[in-house]
Amino acid sequence: KYIDEGMSKKEAIKMVAKERGIPKQD
């Protein structure tokens, strides 16, 4: 979803981890 919106993969991973409350490595 975030990659399609123009985020880099690194930024998308950081955002998803924050929103789900899970570790970034997951």
PDB file of all heavy atoms in Angstrom:
ATOM      1  N   LYS A   1       0.839  -1.211   0.000  1.00  0.00           N
ATOM      2  CA  LYS A   1       0.000   0.000   0.000  1.00  0.00           C
ATOM      3  C   LYS A   1       0.870   1.255   0.000  1.00  0.00           C
ATOM      4  O   LYS A   1       0.654   2.191  -0.790  1.00  0.00           O
ATOM      5  CB  LYS A   1      -0.925  -0.006   1.219  1.00  0.00           C
ATOM      6  CG  LYS A   1      -1.724   1.274   1.454  1.00  0.00           C
ATOM      7  CD  LYS A   1      -2.565   1.157   2.718  1.00  0.00           C
ATOM      8  CE  LYS A   1      -3.397   2.417   2.954  1.00  0.00           C
ATOM      9  NZ  LYS A   1      -2.579   3.621   3.188  1.00  0.00           N
ATOM     10  N   TYR A   2       1.865   1.301   0.892  1.00  0.00           N
ATOM     11  CA  TYR A   2       2.708   2.493   1.001  1.00  0.00           C
ATOM     12  C   TYR A   2       3.711   2.601  -0.145  1.00  0.00           C
ATOM     13  O   TYR A   2       4.034   3.709  -0.590  1.00  0.00           O
ATOM     14  CB  TYR A   2       3.418   2.505   2.350  1.00  0.00           C
ATOM     15  CG  TYR A   2       2.486   2.792   3.502  1.00  0.00           C
ATOM     16  CD1 TYR A   2       2.405   1.955   4.604  1.00  0.00           C
ATOM     17  CD2 TYR A   2       1.662   3.914   3.476  1.00  0.00           C
ATOM     18  CE1 TYR A   2       1.527   2.226   5.653  1.00  0.00           C
ATOM     19  CE2 TYR A   2       0.789   4.195   4.508  1.00  0.00           C
ATOM     20  CZ  TYR A   2       0.724   3.338   5.601  1.00  0.00           C
ATOM     21  OH  TYR A   2      -0.149   3.615   6.623  1.00  0.00           O
ATOM     22  N   ILE A   3       4.172   1.468  -0.622  1.00  0.00           N
ATOM     23  CA  ILE A   3       5.088   1.498  -1.772  1.00  0.00           C
ATOM     24  C   ILE A   3       4.357   2.035  -3.003  1.00  0.00           C
ATOM     25  O   ILE A   3       4.887   2.845  -3.759  1.00  0.00           O
ATOM     26  CB  ILE A   3       5.661   0.085  -2.038  1.00  0.00           C
ATOM     27  CG1 ILE A   3       6.599  -0.305  -0.876  1.00  0.00           C
ATOM     28  CG2 ILE A   3       6.404   0.041  -3.366  1.00  0.00           C
ATOM     29  CD1 ILE A   3       7.056  -1.743  -0.913  1.00  0.00           C
ATOM     30  N   ASP A   4       3.102   1.610  -3.169  1.00  0.00           N
ATOM     31  CA  ASP A   4       2.295   2.095  -4.297  1.00  0.00           C
ATOM     32  C   ASP A   4       2.013   3.591  -4.188  1.00  0.00           C
ATOM     33  O   ASP A   4       1.788   4.273  -5.188  1.00  0.00           O
ATOM     34  CB  ASP A   4       0.964   1.336  -4.366  1.00  0.00           C
ATOM     35  CG  ASP A   4       1.140  -0.113  -4.787  1.00  0.00           C
ATOM     36  OD1 ASP A   4       2.231  -0.456  -5.297  1.00  0.00           O
ATOM     37  OD2 ASP A   4       0.196  -0.915  -4.587  1.00  0.00           O
ATOM     38  N   GLU A   5       2.015   4.097  -2.940  1.00  0.00           N
ATOM     39  CA  GLU A   5       1.764   5.522  -2.725  1.00  0.00           C
ATOM     40  C   GLU A   5       3.019   6.364  -2.908  1.00  0.00           C
ATOM     41  O   GLU A   5       2.969   7.584  -2.765  1.00  0.00           O
ATOM     42  CB  GLU A   5       1.182   5.746  -1.327  1.00  0.00           C
ATOM     43  CG  GLU A   5      -0.242   5.207  -1.157  1.00  0.00           C
ATOM     44  CD  GLU A   5      -0.764   5.336   0.265  1.00  0.00           C
ATOM     45  OE1 GLU A   5      -0.003   5.855   1.124  1.00  0.00           O
ATOM     46  OE2 GLU A   5      -1.903   4.917   0.519  1.00  0.00           O
ATOM     47  N   GLY A   6       4.156   5.702  -3.203  1.00  0.00           N
ATOM     48  CA  GLY A   6       5.375   6.439  -3.495  1.00  0.00           C
ATOM     49  C   GLY A   6       6.456   6.373  -2.437  1.00  0.00           C
ATOM     50  O   GLY A   6       7.513   6.977  -2.597  1.00  0.00           O
ATOM     51  N   MET A   7       6.212   5.651  -1.348  1.00  0.00           N
ATOM     52  CA  MET A   7       7.237   5.521  -0.305  1.00  0.00           C
ATOM     53  C   MET A   7       8.336   4.563  -0.774  1.00  0.00           C
ATOM     54  O   MET A   7       8.085   3.629  -1.544  1.00  0.00           O
ATOM     55  CB  MET A   7       6.634   4.950   0.986  1.00  0.00           C
ATOM     56  CG  MET A   7       5.963   5.951   1.871  1.00  0.00           C
ATOM     57  SD  MET A   7       5.566   5.187   3.488  1.00  0.00           S
ATOM     58  CE  MET A   7       4.720   6.544   4.274  1.00  0.00           C
ATOM     59  N   SER A   8       9.550   4.807  -0.292  1.00  0.00           N
ATOM     60  CA  SER A   8      10.612   3.827  -0.510  1.00  0.00           C
ATOM     61  C   SER A   8      10.326   2.603   0.352  1.00  0.00           C
ATOM     62  O   SER A   8       9.543   2.681   1.307  1.00  0.00           O
ATOM     63  CB  SER A   8      11.968   4.419  -0.120  1.00  0.00           C
ATOM     64  OG  SER A   8      12.037   4.617   1.297  1.00  0.00           O
ATOM     65  N   LYS A   9      10.940   1.478   0.017  1.00  0.00           N
ATOM     66  CA  LYS A   9      10.693   0.266   0.802  1.00  0.00           C
ATOM     67  C   LYS A   9      11.137   0.459   2.246  1.00  0.00           C
ATOM     68  O   LYS A   9      10.464   0.013   3.185  1.00  0.00           O
ATOM     69  CB  LYS A   9      11.422  -0.921   0.180  1.00  0.00           C
ATOM     70  CG  LYS A   9      11.082  -2.247   0.841  1.00  0.00           C
ATOM     71  CD  LYS A   9      11.786  -3.420   0.176  1.00  0.00           C
ATOM     72  CE  LYS A   9      11.220  -3.705  -1.199  1.00  0.00           C
ATOM     73  NZ  LYS A   9      11.798  -4.960  -1.769  1.00  0.00           N
ATOM     74  N   LYS A  10      12.235   1.175   2.450  1.00  0.00           N
ATOM     75  CA  LYS A  10      12.728   1.426   3.813  1.00  0.00           C
ATOM     76  C   LYS A  10      11.716   2.234   4.619  1.00  0.00           C
ATOM     77  O   LYS A  10      11.429   1.919   5.778  1.00  0.00           O
ATOM     78  CB  LYS A  10      14.058   2.161   3.741  1.00  0.00           C
ATOM     79  CG  LYS A  10      14.685   2.446   5.108  1.00  0.00           C
ATOM     80  CD  LYS A  10      16.027   3.150   4.942  1.00  0.00           C
ATOM     81  CE  LYS A  10      16.650   3.443   6.308  1.00  0.00           C
ATOM     82  NZ  LYS A  10      17.957   4.159   6.157  1.00  0.00           N
ATOM     83  N   GLU A  11      11.174   3.288   4.002  1.00  0.00           N
ATOM     84  CA  GLU A  11      10.175   4.122   4.683  1.00  0.00           C
ATOM     85  C   GLU A  11       8.903   3.339   4.971  1.00  0.00           C
ATOM     86  O   GLU A  11       8.296   3.475   6.042  1.00  0.00           O
ATOM     87  CB  GLU A  11       9.837   5.340   3.817  1.00  0.00           C
ATOM     88  CG  GLU A  11      10.963   6.355   3.707  1.00  0.00           C
ATOM     89  CD  GLU A  11      10.643   7.456   2.714  1.00  0.00           C
ATOM     90  OE1 GLU A  11       9.902   7.177   1.729  1.00  0.00           O
ATOM     91  OE2 GLU A  11      11.127   8.580   2.910  1.00  0.00           O
ATOM     92  N   ALA A  12       8.490   2.510   4.018  1.00  0.00           N
ATOM     93  CA  ALA A  12       7.271   1.715   4.174  1.00  0.00           C
ATOM     94  C   ALA A  12       7.408   0.720   5.320  1.00  0.00           C
ATOM     95  O   ALA A  12       6.484   0.519   6.110  1.00  0.00           O
ATOM     96  CB  ALA A  12       6.939   0.997   2.874  1.00  0.00           C
ATOM     97  N   ILE A  13       8.584   0.099   5.414  1.00  0.00           N
ATOM     98  CA  ILE A  13       8.827  -0.868   6.493  1.00  0.00           C
ATOM     99  C   ILE A  13       8.737  -0.169   7.851  1.00  0.00           C
ATOM    100  O   ILE A  13       8.113  -0.678   8.796  1.00  0.00           O
ATOM    101  CB  ILE A  13      10.211  -1.531   6.315  1.00  0.00           C
ATOM    102  CG1 ILE A  13      10.174  -2.502   5.123  1.00  0.00           C
ATOM    103  CG2 ILE A  13      10.634  -2.266   7.594  1.00  0.00           C
ATOM    104  CD1 ILE A  13      11.537  -3.041   4.725  1.00  0.00           C
ATOM    105  N   LYS A  14       9.337   0.984   7.944  1.00  0.00           N
ATOM    106  CA  LYS A  14       9.308   1.748   9.199  1.00  0.00           C
ATOM    107  C   LYS A  14       7.881   2.141   9.574  1.00  0.00           C
ATOM    108  O   LYS A  14       7.475   2.010  10.739  1.00  0.00           O
ATOM    109  CB  LYS A  14      10.175   2.994   9.049  1.00  0.00           C
ATOM    110  CG  LYS A  14      10.295   3.827  10.317  1.00  0.00           C
ATOM    111  CD  LYS A  14      11.218   5.020  10.080  1.00  0.00           C
ATOM    112  CE  LYS A  14      11.337   5.869  11.342  1.00  0.00           C
ATOM    113  NZ  LYS A  14      12.233   7.048  11.122  1.00  0.00           N
ATOM    114  N   MET A  15       7.084   2.596   8.598  1.00  0.00           N
ATOM    115  CA  MET A  15       5.710   3.004   8.848  1.00  0.00           C
ATOM    116  C   MET A  15       4.839   1.830   9.268  1.00  0.00           C
ATOM    117  O   MET A  15       4.057   1.921  10.220  1.00  0.00           O
ATOM    118  CB  MET A  15       5.126   3.664   7.607  1.00  0.00           C
ATOM    119  CG  MET A  15       3.676   4.120   7.770  1.00  0.00           C
ATOM    120  SD  MET A  15       3.496   5.430   9.021  1.00  0.00           S
ATOM    121  CE  MET A  15       4.198   6.819   8.125  1.00  0.00           C
ATOM    122  N   VAL A  16       4.963   0.713   8.584  1.00  0.00           N
ATOM    123  CA  VAL A  16       4.152  -0.471   8.903  1.00  0.00           C
ATOM    124  C   VAL A  16       4.474  -0.990  10.300  1.00  0.00           C
ATOM    125  O   VAL A  16       3.573  -1.353  11.062  1.00  0.00           O
ATOM    126  CB  VAL A  16       4.369  -1.578   7.849  1.00  0.00           C
ATOM    127  CG1 VAL A  16       3.735  -2.898   8.306  1.00  0.00           C
ATOM    128  CG2 VAL A  16       3.780  -1.147   6.504  1.00  0.00           C
ATOM    129  N   ALA A  17       5.757  -1.021  10.652  1.00  0.00           N
ATOM    130  CA  ALA A  17       6.148  -1.478  11.988  1.00  0.00           C
ATOM    131  C   ALA A  17       5.546  -0.582  13.072  1.00  0.00           C
ATOM    132  O   ALA A  17       5.049  -1.064  14.097  1.00  0.00           O
ATOM    133  CB  ALA A  17       7.674  -1.507  12.093  1.00  0.00           C
ATOM    134  N   LYS A  18       5.571   0.727  12.824  1.00  0.00           N
ATOM    135  CA  LYS A  18       5.019   1.676  13.792  1.00  0.00           C
ATOM    136  C   LYS A  18       3.518   1.496  13.942  1.00  0.00           C
ATOM    137  O   LYS A  18       2.986   1.462  15.050  1.00  0.00           O
ATOM    138  CB  LYS A  18       5.339   3.100  13.356  1.00  0.00           C
ATOM    139  CG  LYS A  18       4.787   4.172  14.284  1.00  0.00           C
ATOM    140  CD  LYS A  18       5.123   5.578  13.775  1.00  0.00           C
ATOM    141  CE  LYS A  18       4.534   6.640  14.683  1.00  0.00           C
ATOM    142  NZ  LYS A  18       4.834   8.016  14.169  1.00  0.00           N
ATOM    143  N   GLU A  19       2.805   1.382  12.811  1.00  0.00           N
ATOM    144  CA  GLU A  19       1.356   1.284  12.850  1.00  0.00           C
ATOM    145  C   GLU A  19       0.872  -0.026  13.454  1.00  0.00           C
ATOM    146  O   GLU A  19      -0.177  -0.067  14.095  1.00  0.00           O
ATOM    147  CB  GLU A  19       0.786   1.460  11.441  1.00  0.00           C
ATOM    148  CG  GLU A  19       0.938   2.878  10.922  1.00  0.00           C
ATOM    149  CD  GLU A  19       0.357   3.072   9.539  1.00  0.00           C
ATOM    150  OE1 GLU A  19       0.186   2.070   8.816  1.00  0.00           O
ATOM    151  OE2 GLU A  19       0.080   4.229   9.188  1.00  0.00           O
ATOM    152  N   ARG A  20       1.638  -1.086  13.271  1.00  0.00           N
ATOM    153  CA  ARG A  20       1.223  -2.386  13.815  1.00  0.00           C
ATOM    154  C   ARG A  20       1.793  -2.661  15.195  1.00  0.00           C
ATOM    155  O   ARG A  20       1.398  -3.610  15.860  1.00  0.00           O
ATOM    156  CB  ARG A  20       1.640  -3.502  12.859  1.00  0.00           C
ATOM    157  CG  ARG A  20       0.803  -3.549  11.579  1.00  0.00           C
ATOM    158  CD  ARG A  20       1.264  -4.661  10.659  1.00  0.00           C
ATOM    159  NE  ARG A  20       0.396  -4.767   9.497  1.00  0.00           N
ATOM    160  CZ  ARG A  20      -0.562  -5.677   9.345  1.00  0.00           C
ATOM    161  NH1 ARG A  20      -0.783  -6.563  10.306  1.00  0.00           N
ATOM    162  NH2 ARG A  20      -1.285  -5.709   8.243  1.00  0.00           N
ATOM    163  N   GLY A  21       2.764  -1.850  15.613  1.00  0.00           N
ATOM    164  CA  GLY A  21       3.363  -2.053  16.931  1.00  0.00           C
ATOM    165  C   GLY A  21       4.209  -3.303  17.004  1.00  0.00           C
ATOM    166  O   GLY A  21       4.227  -3.993  18.032  1.00  0.00           O
ATOM    167  N   ILE A  22       4.909  -3.585  15.908  1.00  0.00           N
ATOM    168  CA  ILE A  22       5.759  -4.785  15.864  1.00  0.00           C
ATOM    169  C   ILE A  22       7.183  -4.376  15.491  1.00  0.00           C
ATOM    170  O   ILE A  22       7.411  -3.294  14.944  1.00  0.00           O
ATOM    171  CB  ILE A  22       5.219  -5.827  14.870  1.00  0.00           C
ATOM    172  CG1 ILE A  22       5.173  -5.229  13.444  1.00  0.00           C
ATOM    173  CG2 ILE A  22       3.835  -6.307  15.289  1.00  0.00           C
ATOM    174  CD1 ILE A  22       4.710  -6.212  12.384  1.00  0.00           C
ATOM    175  N   PRO A  23       8.179  -5.248  15.753  1.00  0.00           N
ATOM    176  CA  PRO A  23       9.568  -4.910  15.424  1.00  0.00           C
ATOM    177  C   PRO A  23       9.770  -4.722  13.921  1.00  0.00           C
ATOM    178  O   PRO A  23       9.147  -5.408  13.109  1.00  0.00           O
ATOM    179  CB  PRO A  23      10.358  -6.126  15.933  1.00  0.00           C
ATOM    180  CG  PRO A  23       9.481  -6.749  16.962  1.00  0.00           C
ATOM    181  CD  PRO A  23       8.085  -6.528  16.476  1.00  0.00           C
ATOM    182  N   LYS A  24      10.668  -3.810  13.567  1.00  0.00           N
ATOM    183  CA  LYS A  24      10.924  -3.537  12.155  1.00  0.00           C
ATOM    184  C   LYS A  24      11.475  -4.756  11.424  1.00  0.00           C
ATOM    185  O   LYS A  24      11.192  -4.968  10.248  1.00  0.00           O
ATOM    186  CB  LYS A  24      11.905  -2.364  12.020  1.00  0.00           C
ATOM    187  CG  LYS A  24      11.256  -1.002  12.181  1.00  0.00           C
ATOM    188  CD  LYS A  24      12.167   0.126  11.721  1.00  0.00           C
ATOM    189  CE  LYS A  24      13.408   0.237  12.601  1.00  0.00           C
ATOM    190  NZ  LYS A  24      14.234   1.422  12.209  1.00  0.00           N
ATOM    191  N   GLN A  25      12.262  -5.588  12.145  1.00  0.00           N
ATOM    192  CA  GLN A  25      12.852  -6.747  11.479  1.00  0.00           C
ATOM    193  C   GLN A  25      11.790  -7.750  11.023  1.00  0.00           C
ATOM    194  O   GLN A  25      11.971  -8.456  10.033  1.00  0.00           O
ATOM    195  CB  GLN A  25      13.890  -7.443  12.362  1.00  0.00           C
ATOM    196  CG  GLN A  25      13.399  -7.870  13.734  1.00  0.00           C
ATOM    197  CD  GLN A  25      13.700  -6.838  14.799  1.00  0.00           C
ATOM    198  OE1 GLN A  25      13.653  -5.639  14.509  1.00  0.00           O
ATOM    199  NE2 GLN A  25      14.011  -7.285  16.003  1.00  0.00           N
ATOM    200  N   ASP A  26      10.639  -7.775  11.772  1.00  0.00           N
ATOM    201  CA  ASP A  26       9.552  -8.669  11.360  1.00  0.00           C
ATOM    202  C   ASP A  26       8.978  -8.222  10.022  1.00  0.00           C
ATOM    203  O   ASP A  26       8.578  -9.051   9.182  1.00  0.00           O
ATOM    204  CB  ASP A  26       8.455  -8.716  12.412  1.00  0.00           C
ATOM    205  CG  ASP A  26       8.910  -9.398  13.699  1.00  0.00           C
ATOM    206  OD1 ASP A  26      10.019  -9.962  13.702  1.00  0.00           O
ATOM    207  OD2 ASP A  26       8.150  -9.369  14.690  1.00  0.00           O
TER     208      ASP A  26
END
